[in-house]
C-alpha atoms as a PDB file:
ATOM      1  CA  MET A   1     -19.372  25.950   9.579  1.00  0.00           C
ATOM      2  CA  TYR A   2     -22.239  24.284  11.337  1.00  0.00           C
ATOM      3  CA  SER A   3     -25.310  25.481  13.136  1.00  0.00           C
ATOM      4  CA  THR A   4     -26.836  23.383  15.841  1.00  0.00           C
ATOM      5  CA  GLN A   5     -30.463  22.991  16.680  1.00  0.00           C
ATOM      6  CA  LEU A   6     -31.739  21.200  19.754  1.00  0.00           C
ATOM      7  CA  SER A   7     -35.260  19.883  19.588  1.00  0.00           C
ATOM      8  CA  TYR A   8     -37.135  17.529  21.865  1.00  0.00           C
ATOM      9  CA  THR A   9     -40.593  16.192  22.431  1.00  0.00           C
ATOM     10  CA  SER A  10     -39.968  15.288  26.034  1.00  0.00           C
ATOM     11  CA  PRO A  11     -37.087  15.852  28.456  1.00  0.00           C
ATOM     12  CA  ALA A  12     -36.078  12.209  28.036  1.00  0.00           C
ATOM     13  CA  LYS A  13     -35.903  12.387  24.213  1.00  0.00           C
ATOM     14  CA  ALA A  14     -33.583  15.134  23.083  1.00  0.00           C
ATOM     15  CA  MET A  15     -32.210  15.194  19.561  1.00  0.00           C
ATOM     16  CA  LEU A  16     -29.322  17.275  18.262  1.00  0.00           C
ATOM     17  CA  ARG A  17     -29.351  18.187  14.565  1.00  0.00           C
ATOM     18  CA  MET A  18     -26.427  19.756  12.734  1.00  0.00           C
ATOM     19  CA  LYS A  19     -26.641  21.235   9.287  1.00  0.00           C
ATOM     20  CA  SER A  20     -24.042  22.929   7.150  1.00  0.00           C
ATOM     21  CA  ILE A  21     -24.397  26.637   6.446  1.00  0.00           C
ATOM     22  CA  ALA A  22     -22.307  28.390   3.792  1.00  0.00           C
ATOM     23  CA  THR A  23     -20.603  31.451   5.219  1.00  0.00           C
ATOM     24  CA  VAL A  24     -19.812  34.598   3.265  1.00  0.00           C
ATOM     25  CA  ASP A  25     -16.140  33.547   3.185  1.00  0.00           C
ATOM     26  CA  GLU A  26     -17.049  30.146   1.723  1.00  0.00           C
ATOM     27  CA  GLU A  27     -19.206  31.791  -0.947  1.00  0.00           C
ATOM     28  CA  LEU A  28     -16.334  34.124  -1.877  1.00  0.00           C
ATOM     29  CA  GLU A  29     -13.895  31.206  -2.047  1.00  0.00           C
ATOM     30  CA  GLU A  30     -16.260  29.260  -4.311  1.00  0.00           C
ATOM     31  CA  SER A  31     -16.605  32.209  -6.702  1.00  0.00           C
ATOM     32  CA  LEU A  32     -12.842  32.843  -6.871  1.00  0.00           C
ATOM     33  CA  GLN A  33     -11.049  31.902 -10.097  1.00  0.00           C
ATOM     34  CA  VAL A  34      -7.440  32.713 -11.009  1.00  0.00           C
ATOM     35  CA  TYR A  35      -6.312  31.812 -14.541  1.00  0.00           C
ATOM     36  CA  PRO A  36      -4.313  31.046 -16.623  1.00  0.00           C
ATOM     37  CA  ASN A  37      -1.545  29.566 -14.558  1.00  0.00           C
ATOM     38  CA  PRO A  38       1.119  29.506 -15.962  1.00  0.00           C
ATOM     39  CA  ALA A  39       0.518  33.033 -17.226  1.00  0.00           C
ATOM     40  CA  LYS A  40       2.279  35.285 -19.730  1.00  0.00           C
ATOM     41  CA  GLU A  41       1.249  38.935 -19.794  1.00  0.00           C
ATOM     42  CA  LEU A  42      -2.204  38.836 -18.155  1.00  0.00           C
ATOM     43  CA  LEU A  43      -3.716  37.095 -15.147  1.00  0.00           C
ATOM     44  CA  ASN A  44      -7.505  36.902 -14.810  1.00  0.00           C
ATOM     45  CA  VAL A  45      -8.966  37.081 -11.316  1.00  0.00           C
ATOM     46  CA  SER A  46     -12.703  36.536 -11.120  1.00  0.00           C
ATOM     47  CA  LEU A  47     -14.539  37.018  -7.839  1.00  0.00           C
ATOM     48  CA  ASN A  48     -18.035  37.906  -6.644  1.00  0.00           C
ATOM     49  CA  LEU A  49     -17.661  40.856  -4.264  1.00  0.00           C
ATOM     50  CA  ASN A  50     -20.174  43.111  -2.575  1.00  0.00           C
ATOM     51  CA  ALA A  51     -19.896  46.863  -3.109  1.00  0.00           C
ATOM     52  CA  GLU A  52     -18.345  47.371   0.340  1.00  0.00           C
ATOM     53  CA  ASP A  53     -15.742  44.587  -0.081  1.00  0.00           C
ATOM     54  CA  LYS A  54     -12.125  45.512  -0.789  1.00  0.00           C
ATOM     55  CA  GLY A  55     -10.170  42.952  -2.811  1.00  0.00           C
ATOM     56  CA  ILE A  56      -6.411  42.930  -3.320  1.00  0.00           C
ATOM     57  CA  LEU A  57      -4.062  40.664  -5.291  1.00  0.00           C
ATOM     58  CA  GLN A  58      -0.541  40.531  -3.866  1.00  0.00           C
ATOM     59  CA  ILE A  59       2.284  38.846  -5.783  1.00  0.00           C
ATOM     60  CA  MET A  60       5.516  37.955  -3.987  1.00  0.00           C
ATOM     61  CA  ASP A  61       8.789  36.604  -5.326  1.00  0.00           C
ATOM     62  CA  VAL A  62      10.217  33.373  -3.884  1.00  0.00           C
ATOM     63  CA  LYS A  63      12.102  35.407  -1.241  1.00  0.00           C
ATOM     64  CA  GLY A  64       8.807  36.803   0.057  1.00  0.00           C
ATOM     65  CA  ARG A  65       9.242  40.337  -1.302  1.00  0.00           C
ATOM     66  CA  MET A  66       6.068  41.910  -2.634  1.00  0.00           C
ATOM     67  CA  VAL A  67       6.612  42.687  -6.301  1.00  0.00           C
ATOM     68  CA  GLN A  68       3.085  43.714  -7.281  1.00  0.00           C
ATOM     69  CA  GLU A  69      -0.182  44.688  -5.620  1.00  0.00           C
ATOM     70  CA  SER A  70      -3.417  45.267  -7.539  1.00  0.00           C
ATOM     71  CA  SER A  71      -6.958  46.154  -6.473  1.00  0.00           C
ATOM     72  CA  ILE A  72      -9.690  43.664  -7.344  1.00  0.00           C
ATOM     73  CA  ILE A  73     -13.302  44.614  -7.999  1.00  0.00           C
ATOM     74  CA  ASP A  74     -16.424  42.506  -8.435  1.00  0.00           C
ATOM     75  CA  GLY A  75     -16.384  40.390 -11.585  1.00  0.00           C
ATOM     76  CA  ASN A  76     -13.454  39.650 -13.875  1.00  0.00           C
ATOM     77  CA  ASN A  77     -10.200  41.544 -13.371  1.00  0.00           C
ATOM     78  CA  GLN A  78      -7.293  41.443 -15.821  1.00  0.00           C
ATOM     79  CA  ILE A  79      -3.979  42.003 -14.072  1.00  0.00           C
ATOM     80  CA  LYS A  80      -1.007  43.010 -16.240  1.00  0.00           C
ATOM     81  CA  LEU A  81       2.109  40.956 -15.499  1.00  0.00           C
ATOM     82  CA  ASN A  82       4.436  42.327 -18.189  1.00  0.00           C
ATOM     83  CA  GLN A  83       6.687  44.101 -15.647  1.00  0.00           C
ATOM     84  CA  LEU A  84       7.482  40.786 -13.878  1.00  0.00           C
ATOM     85  CA  SER A  85      10.328  38.510 -14.978  1.00  0.00           C
ATOM     86  CA  ASN A  86       9.703  34.902 -15.934  1.00  0.00           C
ATOM     87  CA  GLY A  87       9.739  32.628 -12.922  1.00  0.00           C
ATOM     88  CA  LEU A  88       7.872  31.338  -9.897  1.00  0.00           C
ATOM     89  CA  TYR A  89       5.861  33.636  -7.620  1.00  0.00           C
ATOM     90  CA  ILE A  90       3.424  33.280  -4.737  1.00  0.00           C
ATOM     91  CA  PHE A  91       0.148  35.186  -4.727  1.00  0.00           C
ATOM     92  CA  HIS A  92      -2.414  36.087  -2.083  1.00  0.00           C
ATOM     93  CA  ILE A  93      -5.971  37.155  -2.760  1.00  0.00           C
ATOM     94  CA  ARG A  94      -7.198  39.261   0.157  1.00  0.00           C
ATOM     95  CA  VAL A  95     -10.753  40.421   0.752  1.00  0.00           C
ATOM     96  CA  ASN A  96     -11.267  42.949   3.526  1.00  0.00           C
ATOM     97  CA  GLY A  97      -7.795  42.126   4.834  1.00  0.00           C
ATOM     98  CA  LYS A  98      -8.398  38.374   5.101  1.00  0.00           C
ATOM     99  CA  ILE A  99      -6.440  35.971   2.886  1.00  0.00           C
ATOM    100  CA  MET A 100      -8.929  34.037   0.735  1.00  0.00           C
ATOM    101  CA  LYS A 101      -6.400  32.181  -1.414  1.00  0.00           C
ATOM    102  CA  THR A 102      -2.660  31.609  -1.537  1.00  0.00           C
ATOM    103  CA  ASP A 103      -1.052  29.715  -4.389  1.00  0.00           C
ATOM    104  CA  LYS A 104       1.918  29.537  -6.735  1.00  0.00           C
ATOM    105  CA  LEU A 105       1.994  31.515  -9.968  1.00  0.00           C
ATOM    106  CA  MET A 106       4.317  30.651 -12.845  1.00  0.00           C
ATOM    107  CA  ILE A 107       5.088  33.407 -15.334  1.00  0.00           C
ATOM    108  CA  HIS A 108       6.714  32.444 -18.632  1.00  0.00           C
END
Protein backbone atom coordinates (compact mmCIF):
# COMPACT_ATOMS: atom_id res chain seq x y z
CA MET A 1 0.00 0.00 0.00
CA TYR A 2 1.21 3.47 -0.73
CA SER A 3 0.38 6.91 0.55
CA THR A 4 0.88 9.90 -1.64
CA GLN A 5 1.97 13.34 -0.64
CA LEU A 6 1.94 16.33 -2.95
CA SER A 7 4.25 19.16 -2.06
CA TYR A 8 5.31 22.20 -4.02
CA THR A 9 7.19 25.42 -3.59
CA SER A 10 5.53 27.12 -6.50
CA PRO A 11 2.68 26.20 -8.85
CA ALA A 12 5.22 25.44 -11.57
CA LYS A 13 7.26 23.02 -9.41
CA ALA A 14 5.09 20.27 -8.03
CA MET A 15 6.61 17.08 -6.69
CA LEU A 16 4.82 13.83 -5.94
CA ARG A 17 6.32 11.59 -3.25
CA MET A 18 5.20 8.03 -2.57
CA LYS A 19 6.20 6.04 0.45
CA SER A 20 5.29 2.55 1.54
CA ILE A 21 3.11 2.12 4.62
CA ALA A 22 2.64 -1.27 6.28
CA THR A 23 -1.04 -2.04 6.75
CA VAL A 24 -2.48 -4.09 9.59
CA ASP A 25 -2.97 -7.00 7.16
CA GLU A 26 0.69 -6.86 6.10
CA GLU A 27 1.81 -6.84 9.74
CA LEU A 28 -0.37 -9.89 10.46
CA GLU A 29 0.99 -11.70 7.41
CA GLU A 30 4.57 -10.99 8.48
CA SER A 31 3.94 -12.37 11.98
CA LEU A 32 2.23 -15.54 10.69
CA GLN A 33 4.16 -18.81 10.99
CA VAL A 34 2.81 -22.31 10.32
CA TYR A 35 5.13 -25.23 11.13
CA PRO A 36 6.19 -28.00 10.81
CA ASN A 37 5.08 -28.88 7.33
CA PRO A 38 4.99 -31.84 6.79
CA ALA A 39 3.37 -32.40 10.17
CA LYS A 40 2.56 -35.47 12.25
CA GLU A 41 0.30 -34.98 15.25
CA LEU A 42 0.64 -31.24 15.93
CA LEU A 43 0.70 -28.10 13.80
CA ASN A 44 1.99 -24.85 15.30
CA VAL A 45 0.35 -21.62 14.18
CA SER A 46 1.96 -18.47 15.50
CA LEU A 47 0.35 -15.09 14.88
CA ASN A 48 0.25 -11.65 16.49
CA LEU A 49 -3.42 -10.78 16.99
CA ASN A 50 -5.16 -7.95 18.79
CA ALA A 51 -7.69 -8.80 21.50
CA GLU A 52 -10.62 -8.04 19.18
CA ASP A 53 -9.27 -10.15 16.27
CA LYS A 54 -10.82 -13.55 15.56
CA GLY A 55 -8.47 -16.10 14.01
CA ILE A 56 -9.50 -19.41 12.47
CA LEU A 57 -7.53 -22.28 10.91
CA GLN A 58 -9.52 -24.25 8.33
CA ILE A 59 -8.18 -27.51 6.90
CA MET A 60 -9.72 -28.97 3.75
CA ASP A 61 -9.12 -32.27 2.00
CA VAL A 62 -8.11 -32.30 -1.67
CA LYS A 63 -11.81 -32.41 -2.67
CA GLY A 64 -12.41 -29.12 -0.86
CA ARG A 65 -14.36 -30.56 2.08
CA MET A 66 -13.60 -28.93 5.41
CA VAL A 67 -12.22 -31.60 7.72
CA GLN A 68 -11.14 -29.44 10.65
CA GLU A 69 -11.66 -25.91 11.96
CA SER A 70 -9.81 -24.50 14.97
CA SER A 71 -9.82 -21.11 16.68
CA ILE A 72 -6.52 -19.23 16.78
CA ILE A 73 -5.54 -16.80 19.53
CA ASP A 74 -2.64 -14.38 19.84
CA GLY A 75 0.73 -16.10 20.14
CA ASN A 76 1.56 -19.75 19.50
CA ASN A 77 -1.27 -22.21 18.94
CA GLN A 78 -0.81 -25.99 18.84
CA ILE A 79 -3.42 -27.65 16.66
CA LYS A 80 -3.95 -31.40 17.12
CA LEU A 81 -3.99 -33.30 13.82
CA ASN A 82 -4.25 -36.86 15.13
CA GLN A 83 -7.83 -37.31 13.84
CA LEU A 84 -6.72 -36.63 10.23
CA SER A 85 -5.44 -39.38 7.93
CA ASN A 86 -2.02 -39.15 6.31
CA GLY A 87 -2.13 -37.21 3.08
CA LEU A 88 -2.28 -33.81 1.42
CA TYR A 89 -4.57 -31.04 2.67
CA ILE A 90 -5.13 -27.35 2.00
CA PHE A 91 -5.36 -24.87 4.86
CA HIS A 92 -6.64 -21.33 5.23
CA ILE A 93 -5.76 -18.96 8.03
CA ARG A 94 -8.56 -16.43 8.43
CA VAL A 95 -8.49 -13.32 10.59
CA ASN A 96 -11.77 -11.47 11.01
CA GLY A 97 -13.17 -13.41 8.06
CA LYS A 98 -10.37 -12.46 5.65
CA ILE A 99 -8.02 -15.15 4.32
CA MET A 100 -4.47 -14.27 5.39
CA LYS A 101 -2.76 -17.42 4.12
CA THR A 102 -3.60 -20.44 2.00
CA ASP A 103 -1.13 -23.27 1.53
CA LYS A 104 -0.69 -27.02 1.29
CA LEU A 105 -0.28 -29.16 4.40
CA MET A 106 1.20 -32.65 4.30
CA ILE A 107 0.37 -34.97 7.18
CA HIS A 108 2.41 -38.15 7.58
